[in-house]
């Protein structure tokens, strides 16, 4: 897909508007070092350790793009607890010439709240669940089933979809099913941005991968990620890997 056909081309941190880099979220090293990121890919993936700032960034991208902080489409406006940072106020999204016909922000941790909002909307618009969400309440399905049901039935294509750690809801087979659905939607003109710890999701073919770390946010190849390196080492020789892990006084140092 040509560069201009992507909905998001890049994101710029408006550093001149930030009063202090000594407070959250700007004190997070990866955010403090952020200037501009190229998003001109069908799938952009952020990987990094817990606390690196990848979910903070993805959430801010979603809010800056007009989505509800807790998830949903641009038409969702519910809120249970305001926990998102002010980062979105300091991001400039550089957009392509096309506008998405659809869009959704989905995070595994707040899927329950999204499902509750969908049921509330069903009371106002009877038939909504049947027409857009597979015909069965998300609350009547498992976490993983409801997540995939939403992606399969609600994501319609030609849309901007932002996902925060979807693997938290999914089995290995679920991650593979998500990759297949993402592939079909990208072929139908969609764009995805996601943060993940999953070596399976990070392996999406042709994705642009950014490693989020203390020294900044840098593009990397899949084989250069810790997700790939550690998972491969574990699967190649599980006994040896665990021997070294469990013999070390502080295993976090060996595999940090």
Protein backbone atom coordinates (compact mmCIF):
# COMPACT_ATOMS: atom_id res chain seq x y z
CA UNK A 1 0.00 0.00 0.00
CA UNK A 2 1.42 3.40 -0.93
CA UNK A 3 2.57 5.65 1.93
CA UNK A 4 -0.26 8.16 1.59
CA UNK A 5 -2.91 5.43 1.80
CA UNK A 6 -2.21 4.66 5.45
CA UNK A 7 -4.38 6.49 7.93
CA UNK A 8 -1.48 7.29 10.27
CA UNK A 9 1.85 8.18 8.71
CA UNK A 10 3.78 9.23 11.81
CA UNK A 11 3.50 10.59 15.33
CA UNK A 12 5.47 13.53 16.68
CA UNK A 13 6.01 14.46 20.33
CA UNK A 14 5.43 18.19 20.70
CA UNK A 15 8.38 18.63 23.03
CA UNK A 16 8.08 22.42 23.11
CA UNK A 17 4.71 22.10 24.85
CA UNK A 18 6.01 19.98 27.72
CA UNK A 19 6.73 21.98 30.86
CA UNK A 20 8.84 19.31 32.55
CA UNK A 21 10.33 15.95 31.64
CA UNK A 22 10.69 15.16 35.33
CA UNK A 23 7.09 14.08 35.82
CA UNK A 24 4.93 11.23 34.53
CA UNK A 25 4.58 10.26 31.75
CA UNK A 26 7.39 12.35 30.29
CA UNK A 27 9.86 11.04 32.86
CA UNK A 28 9.58 7.55 31.34
CA UNK A 29 12.92 7.24 29.53
CA UNK A 30 11.43 6.04 26.24
CA UNK A 31 8.94 8.92 26.20
CA UNK A 32 11.57 11.45 27.25
CA UNK A 33 13.65 10.43 24.22
CA UNK A 34 10.73 10.36 21.80
CA UNK A 35 10.74 12.73 18.84
CA UNK A 36 9.03 11.22 15.78
CA UNK A 37 8.01 7.68 14.84
CA UNK A 38 7.16 6.42 11.37
CA UNK A 39 3.82 4.61 11.41
CA UNK A 40 3.47 4.18 7.65
CA UNK A 41 2.96 0.43 7.73
CA UNK A 42 -0.10 -1.77 7.66
CA UNK A 43 0.96 -3.13 11.05
CA UNK A 44 3.15 -1.34 13.60
CA UNK A 45 4.14 -3.29 16.71
CA UNK A 46 5.67 -1.99 19.94
CA UNK A 47 7.58 -4.46 22.13
CA UNK A 48 9.38 -3.90 25.40
CA UNK A 49 9.55 -4.82 29.05
CA UNK A 50 6.88 -3.99 31.62
CA UNK A 51 7.18 -0.35 32.53
CA UNK A 52 9.01 0.58 29.35
CA UNK A 53 6.19 2.88 28.24
CA UNK A 54 4.83 0.96 25.26
CA UNK A 55 1.25 0.71 26.57
CA UNK A 56 1.36 4.34 27.69
CA UNK A 57 2.34 5.33 24.16
CA UNK A 58 -0.22 3.11 22.43
CA UNK A 59 -2.97 4.38 24.72
CA UNK A 60 -1.98 7.98 23.98
CA UNK A 61 -2.00 7.26 20.25
CA UNK A 62 -5.51 5.88 20.55
CA UNK A 63 -6.82 8.86 22.53
CA UNK A 64 -5.11 11.30 20.16
CA UNK A 65 -6.84 9.49 17.29
CA UNK A 66 -10.20 10.08 18.93
CA UNK A 67 -10.85 6.82 20.75
CA UNK A 68 -12.22 6.36 24.25
CA UNK A 69 -9.33 5.75 26.71
CA UNK A 70 -10.92 2.55 28.04
CA UNK A 71 -11.62 1.16 24.60
CA UNK A 72 -14.28 1.03 21.93
CA UNK A 73 -14.98 2.98 18.79
CA UNK A 74 -14.93 6.75 18.46
CA UNK A 75 -18.61 6.69 19.45
CA UNK A 76 -17.87 5.19 22.87
CA UNK A 77 -17.67 7.80 25.61
CA UNK A 78 -18.05 5.82 28.84
CA UNK A 79 -15.54 6.00 31.67
CA UNK A 80 -15.15 3.98 34.86
CA UNK A 81 -11.87 5.42 36.11
CA UNK A 82 -9.71 8.08 34.47
CA UNK A 83 -6.28 6.46 34.47
CA UNK A 84 -4.84 7.57 31.15
CA UNK A 85 -1.95 10.02 31.05
CA UNK A 86 -1.84 13.46 29.44
CA UNK A 87 0.59 12.24 26.79
CA UNK A 88 -2.08 12.36 24.06
CA UNK A 89 -2.30 16.13 24.51
CA UNK A 90 1.31 16.44 23.39
CA UNK A 91 1.21 14.12 20.38
CA UNK A 92 0.74 15.28 16.82
CA UNK A 93 -0.56 12.61 14.47
CA UNK A 94 0.52 13.03 10.86
CA UNK A 95 -2.28 11.51 8.82
CA UNK A 96 -2.52 10.23 5.27
CA UNK A 97 -4.99 11.39 2.66
CA UNK A 98 -7.52 8.68 3.50
CA UNK A 99 -9.78 8.69 6.53
CA UNK A 100 -10.75 5.37 8.14
CA UNK A 101 -14.32 4.19 7.68
CA UNK A 102 -14.07 2.17 10.86
CA UNK A 103 -11.93 2.02 13.96
CA UNK A 104 -11.60 0.52 17.42
CA UNK A 105 -9.30 0.69 20.41
CA UNK A 106 -9.18 -2.61 22.26
CA UNK A 107 -7.26 -3.49 25.38
CA UNK A 108 -7.58 -6.85 27.11
CA UNK A 109 -7.60 -5.32 30.60
CA UNK A 110 -10.70 -3.21 29.99
CA UNK A 111 -12.65 -5.60 27.75
CA UNK A 112 -15.16 -6.17 30.56
CA UNK A 113 -15.98 -2.45 30.59
CA UNK A 114 -16.35 -2.39 26.80
CA UNK A 115 -18.68 -5.41 26.95
CA UNK A 116 -20.78 -3.70 29.61
CA UNK A 117 -21.06 -0.56 27.48
CA UNK A 118 -22.13 -2.65 24.48
CA UNK A 119 -24.92 -4.20 26.57
CA UNK A 120 -26.00 -0.73 27.70
CA UNK A 121 -26.08 0.42 24.07
CA UNK A 122 -28.14 -2.67 23.18
CA UNK A 123 -30.89 -1.38 25.45
CA UNK A 124 -30.99 1.86 23.47
CA UNK A 125 -30.48 0.23 20.06
CA UNK A 126 -32.04 -3.25 20.11
CA UNK A 127 -30.32 -5.61 17.68
CA UNK A 128 -26.91 -3.97 18.00
CA UNK A 129 -25.27 -7.11 19.41
CA UNK A 130 -26.82 -9.27 16.69
CA UNK A 131 -25.78 -6.93 13.89
CA UNK A 132 -22.28 -5.98 15.02
CA UNK A 133 -21.07 -8.32 17.77
CA UNK A 134 -21.91 -11.86 16.63
CA UNK A 135 -25.32 -12.16 18.22
CA UNK A 136 -24.11 -13.19 21.68
CA UNK A 137 -23.31 -11.02 24.66
CA UNK A 138 -19.58 -10.71 25.22
CA UNK A 139 -20.25 -11.28 28.91
CA UNK A 140 -21.61 -14.75 28.06
CA UNK A 141 -18.30 -15.80 26.54
CA UNK A 142 -14.85 -16.41 27.96
CA UNK A 143 -12.31 -13.60 27.95
CA UNK A 144 -10.57 -14.96 24.87
CA UNK A 145 -13.79 -15.88 23.07
CA UNK A 146 -15.27 -12.44 23.60
CA UNK A 147 -12.06 -10.74 22.43
CA UNK A 148 -11.92 -12.74 19.20
CA UNK A 149 -15.66 -12.44 18.67
CA UNK A 150 -15.36 -8.67 18.83
CA UNK A 151 -12.43 -8.63 16.39
CA UNK A 152 -14.14 -11.01 13.95
CA UNK A 153 -17.61 -9.48 14.01
CA UNK A 154 -17.03 -5.81 14.84
CA UNK A 155 -13.83 -5.01 12.91
CA UNK A 156 -15.16 -4.40 9.41
CA UNK A 157 -12.13 -3.43 7.38
CA UNK A 158 -10.83 -0.15 5.96
CA UNK A 159 -10.31 0.84 9.57
CA UNK A 160 -7.76 1.94 12.13
CA UNK A 161 -7.43 -0.63 14.92
CA UNK A 162 -5.27 -0.08 17.99
CA UNK A 163 -4.67 -3.02 20.34
CA UNK A 164 -2.94 -3.01 23.72
CA UNK A 165 -1.49 -6.38 24.78
CA UNK A 166 -4.26 -8.50 23.21
CA UNK A 167 -2.38 -11.69 24.13
CA UNK A 168 -3.51 -11.18 27.74
CA UNK A 169 -6.91 -12.49 26.64
CA UNK A 170 -5.75 -15.08 24.14
CA UNK A 171 -4.36 -18.60 24.02
CA UNK A 172 -1.64 -19.50 21.53
CA UNK A 173 -4.34 -20.60 19.09
CA UNK A 174 -6.15 -17.35 19.80
CA UNK A 175 -3.05 -15.35 18.88
CA UNK A 176 -2.80 -17.27 15.62
CA UNK A 177 -6.48 -16.62 14.92
CA UNK A 178 -5.90 -12.91 15.57
CA UNK A 179 -2.98 -12.88 13.12
CA UNK A 180 -5.20 -14.42 10.46
CA UNK A 181 -7.94 -11.85 11.07
CA UNK A 182 -5.43 -9.00 11.04
CA UNK A 183 -4.02 -10.28 7.75
CA UNK A 184 -7.47 -10.25 6.15
CA UNK A 185 -8.27 -6.78 7.47
CA UNK A 186 -4.94 -5.31 6.32
CA UNK A 187 -5.63 -6.75 2.88
CA UNK A 188 -8.98 -4.93 3.09
CA UNK A 189 -7.26 -1.57 3.64
CA UNK A 190 -6.96 -1.53 7.44
CA UNK A 191 -4.08 -0.37 9.62
CA UNK A 192 -3.08 -1.82 13.00
CA UNK A 193 -0.99 -0.43 15.84
CA UNK A 194 -0.38 -2.70 18.81
CA UNK A 195 1.72 -3.26 21.90
CA UNK A 196 2.51 -6.86 22.73
CA UNK A 197 4.59 -9.30 24.76
CA UNK A 198 3.67 -12.16 22.43
CA UNK A 199 6.43 -13.60 20.21
CA UNK A 200 3.65 -14.90 17.98
CA UNK A 201 1.90 -11.59 17.41
CA UNK A 202 5.24 -9.80 17.03
CA UNK A 203 5.98 -12.17 14.15
CA UNK A 204 3.23 -10.74 11.94
CA UNK A 205 4.70 -10.77 8.41
CA UNK A 206 5.91 -7.40 7.19
CA UNK A 207 5.16 -5.56 10.43
CA UNK A 208 7.27 -2.59 11.49
CA UNK A 209 8.57 -3.39 14.98
CA UNK A 210 9.72 -0.83 17.52
CA UNK A 211 11.65 -1.81 20.64
CA UNK A 212 10.69 0.46 23.53
CA UNK A 213 13.54 0.77 26.02
CA UNK A 214 15.28 3.24 28.33
CA UNK A 215 17.52 4.52 25.57
CA UNK A 216 14.62 5.27 23.27
CA UNK A 217 12.26 3.71 20.74
CA UNK A 218 14.08 2.11 17.83
CA UNK A 219 13.06 -0.01 14.84
CA UNK A 220 14.28 -3.60 15.04
CA UNK A 221 13.97 -6.82 13.09
CA UNK A 222 11.86 -9.56 14.59
CA UNK A 223 14.92 -11.73 15.23
CA UNK A 224 16.51 -8.88 17.20
CA UNK A 225 13.74 -8.72 19.80
CA UNK A 226 14.02 -10.24 23.26
CA UNK A 227 10.68 -11.92 22.58
CA UNK A 228 12.26 -13.94 19.79
CA UNK A 229 15.63 -14.48 21.44
CA UNK A 230 14.37 -15.68 24.83
CA UNK A 231 11.52 -17.77 23.42
CA UNK A 232 13.84 -19.49 20.96
CA UNK A 233 16.43 -20.17 23.67
CA UNK A 234 13.74 -21.65 25.91
CA UNK A 235 12.24 -23.86 23.19
CA UNK A 236 15.60 -24.99 21.78
CA UNK A 237 16.81 -26.35 25.13
CA UNK A 238 14.27 -25.93 27.90
CA UNK A 239 16.26 -27.93 30.47
CA UNK A 240 19.46 -25.93 29.94
CA UNK A 241 17.58 -22.63 29.93
CA UNK A 242 15.82 -23.41 33.20
CA UNK A 243 18.99 -24.73 34.78
CA UNK A 244 20.73 -21.41 34.26
CA UNK A 245 17.63 -19.45 35.21
CA UNK A 246 17.07 -21.27 38.49
CA UNK A 247 20.75 -21.51 39.42
CA UNK A 248 21.30 -17.77 39.21
CA UNK A 249 21.09 -15.69 42.39
CA UNK A 250 19.10 -13.03 40.55
CA UNK A 251 17.60 -14.47 37.33
CA UNK A 252 16.24 -11.06 36.38
CA UNK A 253 19.81 -9.96 35.74
CA UNK A 254 20.54 -12.90 33.41
CA UNK A 255 17.49 -12.40 31.25
CA UNK A 256 16.79 -8.69 31.61
